[in-house]
Amino acid sequence: LLHPNDDINMSQSSNDTFPTAMSIAAVMGVEDRVIPAIDTLVNTFK
């Protein structure tokens, strides 16, 4: 049913998908991992 370029890569290029993946990974890492870890240590210090 699916072709790698024609369907999965439709309307895209490696040149815009990879920086998008970078943005998603960076945001999720900071929001879901780093900030909760900071909050944990802050609460201990409190």
ModelCIF file with pLDDT and N, C-alpha, C, O atoms, coordinates in Angstrom:
data_MODEL
#
_entry.id   MODEL 
#
_entity.id                         1 
_entity.type                       polymer 
_entity.pdbx_number_of_molecules   1 
#
_entity_poly.entity_id                      1 
_entity_poly.type                           'polypeptide(L)' 
_entity_poly.nstd_linkage                   no 
_entity_poly.nstd_monomer                   no 
_entity_poly.pdbx_seq_one_letter_code       LLHPNDDINMSQSSNDTFPTAMSIAAVMGVEDRVIPAIDTLVNTFK 
_entity_poly.pdbx_seq_one_letter_code_can   LLHPNDDINMSQSSNDTFPTAMSIAAVMGVEDRVIPAIDTLVNTFK 
_entity_poly.pdbx_strand_id                 A 
#
loop_
_entity_poly_seq.entity_id 
_entity_poly_seq.num 
_entity_poly_seq.mon_id 
_entity_poly_seq.hetero 
1 1  LEU n 
1 2  LEU n 
1 3  HIS n 
1 4  PRO n 
1 5  ASN n 
1 6  ASP n 
1 7  ASP n 
1 8  ILE n 
1 9  ASN n 
1 10 MET n 
1 11 SER n 
1 12 GLN n 
1 13 SER n 
1 14 SER n 
1 15 ASN n 
1 16 ASP n 
1 17 THR n 
1 18 PHE n 
1 19 PRO n 
1 20 THR n 
1 21 ALA n 
1 22 MET n 
1 23 SER n 
1 24 ILE n 
1 25 ALA n 
1 26 ALA n 
1 27 VAL n 
1 28 MET n 
1 29 GLY n 
1 30 VAL n 
1 31 GLU n 
1 32 ASP n 
1 33 ARG n 
1 34 VAL n 
1 35 ILE n 
1 36 PRO n 
1 37 ALA n 
1 38 ILE n 
1 39 ASP n 
1 40 THR n 
1 41 LEU n 
1 42 VAL n 
1 43 ASN n 
1 44 THR n 
1 45 PHE n 
1 46 LYS n 
#
_struct_asym.id          A 
_struct_asym.entity_id   1 
#
loop_
_ma_qa_metric.id 
_ma_qa_metric.mode 
_ma_qa_metric.name 
_ma_qa_metric.software_group_id 
_ma_qa_metric.type 
1 global pLDDT . pLDDT 
2 local  pLDDT . pLDDT 
#
_ma_qa_metric_global.metric_id      1 
_ma_qa_metric_global.metric_value   97.93 
_ma_qa_metric_global.model_id       1 
_ma_qa_metric_global.ordinal_id     1 
#
loop_
_ma_qa_metric_local.label_asym_id 
_ma_qa_metric_local.label_comp_id 
_ma_qa_metric_local.label_seq_id 
_ma_qa_metric_local.metric_id 
_ma_qa_metric_local.metric_value 
_ma_qa_metric_local.model_id 
_ma_qa_metric_local.ordinal_id 
A LEU 1  2 98.00 1 1  
A LEU 2  2 98.00 1 2  
A HIS 3  2 98.00 1 3  
A PRO 4  2 97.00 1 4  
A ASN 5  2 97.00 1 5  
A ASP 6  2 98.00 1 6  
A ASP 7  2 98.00 1 7  
A ILE 8  2 98.00 1 8  
A ASN 9  2 98.00 1 9  
A MET 10 2 98.00 1 10 
A SER 11 2 98.00 1 11 
A GLN 12 2 98.00 1 12 
A SER 13 2 98.00 1 13 
A SER 14 2 97.00 1 14 
A ASN 15 2 98.00 1 15 
A ASP 16 2 98.00 1 16 
A THR 17 2 98.00 1 17 
A PHE 18 2 98.00 1 18 
A PRO 19 2 98.00 1 19 
A THR 20 2 98.00 1 20 
A ALA 21 2 98.00 1 21 
A MET 22 2 98.00 1 22 
A SER 23 2 98.00 1 23 
A ILE 24 2 98.00 1 24 
A ALA 25 2 98.00 1 25 
A ALA 26 2 98.00 1 26 
A VAL 27 2 98.00 1 27 
A MET 28 2 98.00 1 28 
A GLY 29 2 98.00 1 29 
A VAL 30 2 98.00 1 30 
A GLU 31 2 98.00 1 31 
A ASP 32 2 98.00 1 32 
A ARG 33 2 98.00 1 33 
A VAL 34 2 98.00 1 34 
A ILE 35 2 98.00 1 35 
A PRO 36 2 98.00 1 36 
A ALA 37 2 98.00 1 37 
A ILE 38 2 98.00 1 38 
A ASP 39 2 98.00 1 39 
A THR 40 2 98.00 1 40 
A LEU 41 2 98.00 1 41 
A VAL 42 2 98.00 1 42 
A ASN 43 2 98.00 1 43 
A THR 44 2 98.00 1 44 
A PHE 45 2 98.00 1 45 
A LYS 46 2 98.00 1 46 
#
loop_
_atom_site.group_PDB 
_atom_site.id 
_atom_site.type_symbol 
_atom_site.label_atom_id 
_atom_site.label_alt_id 
_atom_site.label_comp_id 
_atom_site.label_asym_id 
_atom_site.label_entity_id 
_atom_site.label_seq_id 
_atom_site.pdbx_PDB_ins_code 
_atom_site.Cartn_x 
_atom_site.Cartn_y 
_atom_site.Cartn_z 
_atom_site.occupancy 
_atom_site.B_iso_or_equiv 
_atom_site.pdbx_formal_charge 
_atom_site.auth_seq_id 
_atom_site.auth_comp_id 
_atom_site.auth_asym_id 
_atom_site.auth_atom_id 
_atom_site.pdbx_PDB_model_num 
ATOM 1   N N  . LEU A 1 1  ? 0.805  -1.214 0.000  1.00 98.00 ? 1  LEU A N  1 
ATOM 2   C CA . LEU A 1 1  ? 0.000  0.000  0.000  1.00 98.00 ? 1  LEU A CA 1 
ATOM 3   C C  . LEU A 1 1  ? 0.841  1.269  0.000  1.00 98.00 ? 1  LEU A C  1 
ATOM 4   O O  . LEU A 1 1  ? 0.461  2.268  -0.610 1.00 98.00 ? 1  LEU A O  1 
ATOM 5   N N  . LEU A 1 2  ? 1.996  1.233  0.690  1.00 98.00 ? 2  LEU A N  1 
ATOM 6   C CA . LEU A 1 2  ? 2.771  2.441  0.965  1.00 98.00 ? 2  LEU A CA 1 
ATOM 7   C C  . LEU A 1 2  ? 4.144  2.419  0.309  1.00 98.00 ? 2  LEU A C  1 
ATOM 8   O O  . LEU A 1 2  ? 4.806  1.383  0.252  1.00 98.00 ? 2  LEU A O  1 
ATOM 9   N N  . HIS A 1 3  ? 4.563  3.590  -0.187 1.00 98.00 ? 3  HIS A N  1 
ATOM 10  C CA . HIS A 1 3  ? 5.908  3.750  -0.736 1.00 98.00 ? 3  HIS A CA 1 
ATOM 11  C C  . HIS A 1 3  ? 6.679  4.705  0.176  1.00 98.00 ? 3  HIS A C  1 
ATOM 12  O O  . HIS A 1 3  ? 6.118  5.715  0.602  1.00 98.00 ? 3  HIS A O  1 
ATOM 13  N N  . PRO A 1 4  ? 7.949  4.418  0.491  1.00 97.00 ? 4  PRO A N  1 
ATOM 14  C CA . PRO A 1 4  ? 8.710  5.259  1.430  1.00 97.00 ? 4  PRO A CA 1 
ATOM 15  C C  . PRO A 1 4  ? 8.761  6.727  1.036  1.00 97.00 ? 4  PRO A C  1 
ATOM 16  O O  . PRO A 1 4  ? 8.558  7.608  1.871  1.00 97.00 ? 4  PRO A O  1 
ATOM 17  N N  . ASN A 1 5  ? 9.034  6.991  -0.247 1.00 97.00 ? 5  ASN A N  1 
ATOM 18  C CA . ASN A 1 5  ? 9.164  8.382  -0.698 1.00 97.00 ? 5  ASN A CA 1 
ATOM 19  C C  . ASN A 1 5  ? 7.817  9.021  -1.024 1.00 97.00 ? 5  ASN A C  1 
ATOM 20  O O  . ASN A 1 5  ? 7.523  10.135 -0.591 1.00 97.00 ? 5  ASN A O  1 
ATOM 21  N N  . ASP A 1 6  ? 7.011  8.303  -1.786 1.00 98.00 ? 6  ASP A N  1 
ATOM 22  C CA . ASP A 1 6  ? 5.771  8.895  -2.281 1.00 98.00 ? 6  ASP A CA 1 
ATOM 23  C C  . ASP A 1 6  ? 4.718  9.080  -1.196 1.00 98.00 ? 6  ASP A C  1 
ATOM 24  O O  . ASP A 1 6  ? 3.900  9.995  -1.288 1.00 98.00 ? 6  ASP A O  1 
ATOM 25  N N  . ASP A 1 7  ? 4.720  8.245  -0.186 1.00 98.00 ? 7  ASP A N  1 
ATOM 26  C CA . ASP A 1 7  ? 3.674  8.295  0.836  1.00 98.00 ? 7  ASP A CA 1 
ATOM 27  C C  . ASP A 1 7  ? 4.190  8.768  2.200  1.00 98.00 ? 7  ASP A C  1 
ATOM 28  O O  . ASP A 1 7  ? 3.672  9.730  2.767  1.00 98.00 ? 7  ASP A O  1 
ATOM 29  N N  . ILE A 1 8  ? 5.207  8.089  2.715  1.00 98.00 ? 8  ILE A N  1 
ATOM 30  C CA . ILE A 1 8  ? 5.688  8.445  4.055  1.00 98.00 ? 8  ILE A CA 1 
ATOM 31  C C  . ILE A 1 8  ? 6.401  9.789  4.036  1.00 98.00 ? 8  ILE A C  1 
ATOM 32  O O  . ILE A 1 8  ? 6.327  10.545 5.005  1.00 98.00 ? 8  ILE A O  1 
ATOM 33  N N  . ASN A 1 9  ? 7.084  10.087 2.950  1.00 98.00 ? 9  ASN A N  1 
ATOM 34  C CA . ASN A 1 9  ? 7.828  11.343 2.828  1.00 98.00 ? 9  ASN A CA 1 
ATOM 35  C C  . ASN A 1 9  ? 7.047  12.404 2.050  1.00 98.00 ? 9  ASN A C  1 
ATOM 36  O O  . ASN A 1 9  ? 7.621  13.416 1.647  1.00 98.00 ? 9  ASN A O  1 
ATOM 37  N N  . MET A 1 10 ? 5.754  12.188 1.835  1.00 98.00 ? 10 MET A N  1 
ATOM 38  C CA . MET A 1 10 ? 4.931  13.114 1.056  1.00 98.00 ? 10 MET A CA 1 
ATOM 39  C C  . MET A 1 10 ? 4.980  14.519 1.650  1.00 98.00 ? 10 MET A C  1 
ATOM 40  O O  . MET A 1 10 ? 4.788  14.696 2.853  1.00 98.00 ? 10 MET A O  1 
ATOM 41  N N  . SER A 1 11 ? 5.236  15.514 0.808  1.00 98.00 ? 11 SER A N  1 
ATOM 42  C CA . SER A 1 11 ? 5.283  16.938 1.181  1.00 98.00 ? 11 SER A CA 1 
ATOM 43  C C  . SER A 1 11 ? 6.456  17.277 2.093  1.00 98.00 ? 11 SER A C  1 
ATOM 44  O O  . SER A 1 11 ? 6.442  18.304 2.771  1.00 98.00 ? 11 SER A O  1 
ATOM 45  N N  . GLN A 1 12 ? 7.464  16.422 2.110  1.00 98.00 ? 12 GLN A N  1 
ATOM 46  C CA . GLN A 1 12 ? 8.595  16.609 3.028  1.00 98.00 ? 12 GLN A CA 1 
ATOM 47  C C  . GLN A 1 12 ? 9.928  16.462 2.309  1.00 98.00 ? 12 GLN A C  1 
ATOM 48  O O  . GLN A 1 12 ? 10.003 16.016 1.164  1.00 98.00 ? 12 GLN A O  1 
ATOM 49  N N  . SER A 1 13 ? 10.972 16.852 3.022  1.00 98.00 ? 13 SER A N  1 
ATOM 50  C CA . SER A 1 13 ? 12.359 16.642 2.609  1.00 98.00 ? 13 SER A CA 1 
ATOM 51  C C  . SER A 1 13 ? 13.140 16.278 3.865  1.00 98.00 ? 13 SER A C  1 
ATOM 52  O O  . SER A 1 13 ? 12.741 16.633 4.975  1.00 98.00 ? 13 SER A O  1 
ATOM 53  N N  . SER A 1 14 ? 14.230 15.584 3.694  1.00 97.00 ? 14 SER A N  1 
ATOM 54  C CA . SER A 1 14 ? 15.110 15.351 4.851  1.00 97.00 ? 14 SER A CA 1 
ATOM 55  C C  . SER A 1 14 ? 15.526 16.670 5.485  1.00 97.00 ? 14 SER A C  1 
ATOM 56  O O  . SER A 1 14 ? 15.744 16.754 6.694  1.00 97.00 ? 14 SER A O  1 
ATOM 57  N N  . ASN A 1 15 ? 15.635 17.707 4.642  1.00 98.00 ? 15 ASN A N  1 
ATOM 58  C CA . ASN A 1 15 ? 16.137 18.993 5.114  1.00 98.00 ? 15 ASN A CA 1 
ATOM 59  C C  . ASN A 1 15 ? 15.177 19.719 6.056  1.00 98.00 ? 15 ASN A C  1 
ATOM 60  O O  . ASN A 1 15 ? 15.600 20.579 6.828  1.00 98.00 ? 15 ASN A O  1 
ATOM 61  N N  . ASP A 1 16 ? 13.885 19.377 5.997  1.00 98.00 ? 16 ASP A N  1 
ATOM 62  C CA . ASP A 1 16 ? 12.964 19.983 6.968  1.00 98.00 ? 16 ASP A CA 1 
ATOM 63  C C  . ASP A 1 16 ? 12.480 18.977 8.016  1.00 98.00 ? 16 ASP A C  1 
ATOM 64  O O  . ASP A 1 16 ? 12.023 19.375 9.088  1.00 98.00 ? 16 ASP A O  1 
ATOM 65  N N  . THR A 1 17 ? 12.577 17.684 7.716  1.00 98.00 ? 17 THR A N  1 
ATOM 66  C CA . THR A 1 17 ? 12.141 16.699 8.720  1.00 98.00 ? 17 THR A CA 1 
ATOM 67  C C  . THR A 1 17 ? 13.159 16.547 9.851  1.00 98.00 ? 17 THR A C  1 
ATOM 68  O O  . THR A 1 17 ? 12.782 16.447 11.018 1.00 98.00 ? 17 THR A O  1 
ATOM 69  N N  . PHE A 1 18 ? 14.445 16.530 9.507  1.00 98.00 ? 18 PHE A N  1 
ATOM 70  C CA . PHE A 1 18 ? 15.423 16.315 10.577 1.00 98.00 ? 18 PHE A CA 1 
ATOM 71  C C  . PHE A 1 18 ? 15.450 17.472 11.574 1.00 98.00 ? 18 PHE A C  1 
ATOM 72  O O  . PHE A 1 18 ? 15.450 17.223 12.779 1.00 98.00 ? 18 PHE A O  1 
ATOM 73  N N  . PRO A 1 19 ? 15.475 18.738 11.116 1.00 98.00 ? 19 PRO A N  1 
ATOM 74  C CA . PRO A 1 19 ? 15.406 19.819 12.108 1.00 98.00 ? 19 PRO A CA 1 
ATOM 75  C C  . PRO A 1 19 ? 14.103 19.807 12.905 1.00 98.00 ? 19 PRO A C  1 
ATOM 76  O O  . PRO A 1 19 ? 14.081 20.230 14.061 1.00 98.00 ? 19 PRO A O  1 
ATOM 77  N N  . THR A 1 20 ? 13.018 19.326 12.295 1.00 98.00 ? 20 THR A N  1 
ATOM 78  C CA . THR A 1 20 ? 11.758 19.208 13.031 1.00 98.00 ? 20 THR A CA 1 
ATOM 79  C C  . THR A 1 20 ? 11.870 18.143 14.111 1.00 98.00 ? 20 THR A C  1 
ATOM 80  O O  . THR A 1 20 ? 11.407 18.338 15.235 1.00 98.00 ? 20 THR A O  1 
ATOM 81  N N  . ALA A 1 21 ? 12.484 17.018 13.767 1.00 98.00 ? 21 ALA A N  1 
ATOM 82  C CA . ALA A 1 21 ? 12.702 15.967 14.767 1.00 98.00 ? 21 ALA A CA 1 
ATOM 83  C C  . ALA A 1 21 ? 13.572 16.487 15.908 1.00 98.00 ? 21 ALA A C  1 
ATOM 84  O O  . ALA A 1 21 ? 13.348 16.152 17.071 1.00 98.00 ? 21 ALA A O  1 
ATOM 85  N N  . MET A 1 22 ? 14.563 17.305 15.570 1.00 98.00 ? 22 MET A N  1 
ATOM 86  C CA . MET A 1 22 ? 15.422 17.907 16.591 1.00 98.00 ? 22 MET A CA 1 
ATOM 87  C C  . MET A 1 22 ? 14.600 18.767 17.555 1.00 98.00 ? 22 MET A C  1 
ATOM 88  O O  . MET A 1 22 ? 14.771 18.686 18.771 1.00 98.00 ? 22 MET A O  1 
ATOM 89  N N  . SER A 1 23 ? 13.717 19.582 17.004 1.00 98.00 ? 23 SER A N  1 
ATOM 90  C CA . SER A 1 23 ? 12.896 20.466 17.834 1.00 98.00 ? 23 SER A CA 1 
ATOM 91  C C  . SER A 1 23 ? 11.988 19.658 18.759 1.00 98.00 ? 23 SER A C  1 
ATOM 92  O O  . SER A 1 23 ? 11.888 19.945 19.951 1.00 98.00 ? 23 SER A O  1 
ATOM 93  N N  . ILE A 1 24 ? 11.331 18.648 18.198 1.00 98.00 ? 24 ILE A N  1 
ATOM 94  C CA . ILE A 1 24 ? 10.425 17.824 19.001 1.00 98.00 ? 24 ILE A CA 1 
ATOM 95  C C  . ILE A 1 24 ? 11.189 17.125 20.119 1.00 98.00 ? 24 ILE A C  1 
ATOM 96  O O  . ILE A 1 24 ? 10.752 17.129 21.270 1.00 98.00 ? 24 ILE A O  1 
ATOM 97  N N  . ALA A 1 25 ? 12.330 16.524 19.781 1.00 98.00 ? 25 ALA A N  1 
ATOM 98  C CA . ALA A 1 25 ? 13.121 15.804 20.777 1.00 98.00 ? 25 ALA A CA 1 
ATOM 99  C C  . ALA A 1 25 ? 13.629 16.744 21.864 1.00 98.00 ? 25 ALA A C  1 
ATOM 100 O O  . ALA A 1 25 ? 13.622 16.393 23.044 1.00 98.00 ? 25 ALA A O  1 
ATOM 101 N N  . ALA A 1 26 ? 14.072 17.944 21.469 1.00 98.00 ? 26 ALA A N  1 
ATOM 102 C CA . ALA A 1 26 ? 14.603 18.903 22.441 1.00 98.00 ? 26 ALA A CA 1 
ATOM 103 C C  . ALA A 1 26 ? 13.520 19.371 23.402 1.00 98.00 ? 26 ALA A C  1 
ATOM 104 O O  . ALA A 1 26 ? 13.736 19.415 24.614 1.00 98.00 ? 26 ALA A O  1 
ATOM 105 N N  . VAL A 1 27 ? 12.357 19.719 22.864 1.00 98.00 ? 27 VAL A N  1 
ATOM 106 C CA . VAL A 1 27 ? 11.255 20.203 23.709 1.00 98.00 ? 27 VAL A CA 1 
ATOM 107 C C  . VAL A 1 27 ? 10.793 19.121 24.668 1.00 98.00 ? 27 VAL A C  1 
ATOM 108 O O  . VAL A 1 27 ? 10.609 19.382 25.856 1.00 98.00 ? 27 VAL A O  1 
ATOM 109 N N  . MET A 1 28 ? 10.605 17.918 24.167 1.00 98.00 ? 28 MET A N  1 
ATOM 110 C CA . MET A 1 28 ? 10.128 16.834 25.025 1.00 98.00 ? 28 MET A CA 1 
ATOM 111 C C  . MET A 1 28 ? 11.156 16.491 26.095 1.00 98.00 ? 28 MET A C  1 
ATOM 112 O O  . MET A 1 28 ? 10.796 16.165 27.225 1.00 98.00 ? 28 MET A O  1 
ATOM 113 N N  . GLY A 1 29 ? 12.431 16.564 25.741 1.00 98.00 ? 29 GLY A N  1 
ATOM 114 C CA . GLY A 1 29 ? 13.472 16.275 26.714 1.00 98.00 ? 29 GLY A CA 1 
ATOM 115 C C  . GLY A 1 29 ? 13.511 17.288 27.835 1.00 98.00 ? 29 GLY A C  1 
ATOM 116 O O  . GLY A 1 29 ? 13.614 16.929 29.008 1.00 98.00 ? 29 GLY A O  1 
ATOM 117 N N  . VAL A 1 30 ? 13.429 18.564 27.469 1.00 98.00 ? 30 VAL A N  1 
ATOM 118 C CA . VAL A 1 30 ? 13.477 19.626 28.473 1.00 98.00 ? 30 VAL A CA 1 
ATOM 119 C C  . VAL A 1 30 ? 12.222 19.612 29.341 1.00 98.00 ? 30 VAL A C  1 
ATOM 120 O O  . VAL A 1 30 ? 12.309 19.675 30.567 1.00 98.00 ? 30 VAL A O  1 
ATOM 121 N N  . GLU A 1 31 ? 11.048 19.530 28.700 1.00 98.00 ? 31 GLU A N  1 
ATOM 122 C CA . GLU A 1 31 ? 9.796  19.621 29.449 1.00 98.00 ? 31 GLU A CA 1 
ATOM 123 C C  . GLU A 1 31 ? 9.487  18.361 30.254 1.00 98.00 ? 31 GLU A C  1 
ATOM 124 O O  . GLU A 1 31 ? 8.986  18.444 31.376 1.00 98.00 ? 31 GLU A O  1 
ATOM 125 N N  . ASP A 1 32 ? 9.785  17.200 29.682 1.00 98.00 ? 32 ASP A N  1 
ATOM 126 C CA . ASP A 1 32 ? 9.358  15.949 30.314 1.00 98.00 ? 32 ASP A CA 1 
ATOM 127 C C  . ASP A 1 32 ? 10.424 15.290 31.173 1.00 98.00 ? 32 ASP A C  1 
ATOM 128 O O  . ASP A 1 32 ? 10.118 14.397 31.963 1.00 98.00 ? 32 ASP A O  1 
ATOM 129 N N  . ARG A 1 33 ? 11.681 15.720 31.027 1.00 98.00 ? 33 ARG A N  1 
ATOM 130 C CA . ARG A 1 33 ? 12.743 15.077 31.795 1.00 98.00 ? 33 ARG A CA 1 
ATOM 131 C C  . ARG A 1 33 ? 13.504 16.055 32.691 1.00 98.00 ? 33 ARG A C  1 
ATOM 132 O O  . ARG A 1 33 ? 13.603 15.854 33.901 1.00 98.00 ? 33 ARG A O  1 
ATOM 133 N N  . VAL A 1 34 ? 14.036 17.105 32.088 1.00 98.00 ? 34 VAL A N  1 
ATOM 134 C CA . VAL A 1 34 ? 14.900 17.999 32.867 1.00 98.00 ? 34 VAL A CA 1 
ATOM 135 C C  . VAL A 1 34 ? 14.108 18.795 33.905 1.00 98.00 ? 34 VAL A C  1 
ATOM 136 O O  . VAL A 1 34 ? 14.477 18.822 35.079 1.00 98.00 ? 34 VAL A O  1 
ATOM 137 N N  . ILE A 1 35 ? 13.035 19.435 33.483 1.00 98.00 ? 35 ILE A N  1 
ATOM 138 C CA . ILE A 1 35 ? 12.275 20.279 34.418 1.00 98.00 ? 35 ILE A CA 1 
ATOM 139 C C  . ILE A 1 35 ? 11.678 19.467 35.571 1.00 98.00 ? 35 ILE A C  1 
ATOM 140 O O  . ILE A 1 35 ? 11.759 19.922 36.712 1.00 98.00 ? 35 ILE A O  1 
ATOM 141 N N  . PRO A 1 36 ? 11.087 18.297 35.340 1.00 98.00 ? 36 PRO A N  1 
ATOM 142 C CA . PRO A 1 36 ? 10.625 17.501 36.483 1.00 98.00 ? 36 PRO A CA 1 
ATOM 143 C C  . PRO A 1 36 ? 11.754 17.098 37.433 1.00 98.00 ? 36 PRO A C  1 
ATOM 144 O O  . PRO A 1 36 ? 11.552 17.042 38.646 1.00 98.00 ? 36 PRO A O  1 
ATOM 145 N N  . ALA A 1 37 ? 12.935 16.818 36.889 1.00 98.00 ? 37 ALA A N  1 
ATOM 146 C CA . ALA A 1 37 ? 14.075 16.468 37.745 1.00 98.00 ? 37 ALA A CA 1 
ATOM 147 C C  . ALA A 1 37 ? 14.501 17.664 38.592 1.00 98.00 ? 37 ALA A C  1 
ATOM 148 O O  . ALA A 1 37 ? 14.836 17.510 39.766 1.00 98.00 ? 37 ALA A O  1 
ATOM 149 N N  . ILE A 1 38 ? 14.486 18.861 37.994 1.00 98.00 ? 38 ILE A N  1 
ATOM 150 C CA . ILE A 1 38 ? 14.785 20.074 38.756 1.00 98.00 ? 38 ILE A CA 1 
ATOM 151 C C  . ILE A 1 38 ? 13.781 20.228 39.892 1.00 98.00 ? 38 ILE A C  1 
ATOM 152 O O  . ILE A 1 38 ? 14.161 20.505 41.029 1.00 98.00 ? 38 ILE A O  1 
ATOM 153 N N  . ASP A 1 39 ? 12.500 20.047 39.583 1.00 98.00 ? 39 ASP A N  1 
ATOM 154 C CA . ASP A 1 39 ? 11.453 20.201 40.601 1.00 98.00 ? 39 ASP A CA 1 
ATOM 155 C C  . ASP A 1 39 ? 11.649 19.226 41.760 1.00 98.00 ? 39 ASP A C  1 
ATOM 156 O O  . ASP A 1 39 ? 11.420 19.579 42.917 1.00 98.00 ? 39 ASP A O  1 
ATOM 157 N N  . THR A 1 40 ? 12.069 18.015 41.453 1.00 98.00 ? 40 THR A N  1 
ATOM 158 C CA . THR A 1 40 ? 12.297 17.018 42.501 1.00 98.00 ? 40 THR A CA 1 
ATOM 159 C C  . THR A 1 40 ? 13.380 17.472 43.461 1.00 98.00 ? 40 THR A C  1 
ATOM 160 O O  . THR A 1 40 ? 13.213 17.392 44.677 1.00 98.00 ? 40 THR A O  1 
ATOM 161 N N  . LEU A 1 41 ? 14.493 17.950 42.916 1.00 98.00 ? 41 LEU A N  1 
ATOM 162 C CA . LEU A 1 41 ? 15.601 18.386 43.757 1.00 98.00 ? 41 LEU A CA 1 
ATOM 163 C C  . LEU A 1 41 ? 15.246 19.669 44.511 1.00 98.00 ? 41 LEU A C  1 
ATOM 164 O O  . LEU A 1 41 ? 15.625 19.832 45.671 1.00 98.00 ? 41 LEU A O  1 
ATOM 165 N N  . VAL A 1 42 ? 14.522 20.573 43.861 1.00 98.00 ? 42 VAL A N  1 
ATOM 166 C CA . VAL A 1 42 ? 14.079 21.802 44.522 1.00 98.00 ? 42 VAL A CA 1 
ATOM 167 C C  . VAL A 1 42 ? 13.210 21.471 45.729 1.00 98.00 ? 42 VAL A C  1 
ATOM 168 O O  . VAL A 1 42 ? 13.371 22.075 46.789 1.00 98.00 ? 42 VAL A O  1 
ATOM 169 N N  . ASN A 1 43 ? 12.300 20.527 45.585 1.00 98.00 ? 43 ASN A N  1 
ATOM 170 C CA . ASN A 1 43 ? 11.422 20.154 46.697 1.00 98.00 ? 43 ASN A CA 1 
ATOM 171 C C  . ASN A 1 43 ? 12.210 19.562 47.864 1.00 98.00 ? 43 ASN A C  1 
ATOM 172 O O  . ASN A 1 43 ? 11.864 19.779 49.025 1.00 98.00 ? 43 ASN A O  1 
ATOM 173 N N  . THR A 1 44 ? 13.261 18.820 47.557 1.00 98.00 ? 44 THR A N  1 
ATOM 174 C CA . THR A 1 44 ? 14.115 18.293 48.626 1.00 98.00 ? 44 THR A CA 1 
ATOM 175 C C  . THR A 1 44 ? 14.810 19.424 49.364 1.00 98.00 ? 44 THR A C  1 
ATOM 176 O O  . THR A 1 44 ? 14.881 19.416 50.593 1.00 98.00 ? 44 THR A O  1 
ATOM 177 N N  . PHE A 1 45 ? 15.320 20.393 48.622 1.00 98.00 ? 45 PHE A N  1 
ATOM 178 C CA . PHE A 1 45 ? 15.988 21.534 49.260 1.00 98.00 ? 45 PHE A CA 1 
ATOM 179 C C  . PHE A 1 45 ? 14.997 22.360 50.088 1.00 98.00 ? 45 PHE A C  1 
ATOM 180 O O  . PHE A 1 45 ? 15.356 22.872 51.148 1.00 98.00 ? 45 PHE A O  1 
ATOM 181 N N  . LYS A 1 46 ? 13.764 22.492 49.617 1.00 98.00 ? 46 LYS A N  1 
ATOM 182 C CA . LYS A 1 46 ? 12.751 23.202 50.406 1.00 98.00 ? 46 LYS A CA 1 
ATOM 183 C C  . LYS A 1 46 ? 12.530 22.514 51.744 1.00 98.00 ? 46 LYS A C  1 
ATOM 184 O O  . LYS A 1 46 ? 11.712 22.969 52.544 1.00 98.00 ? 46 LYS A O  1 
#
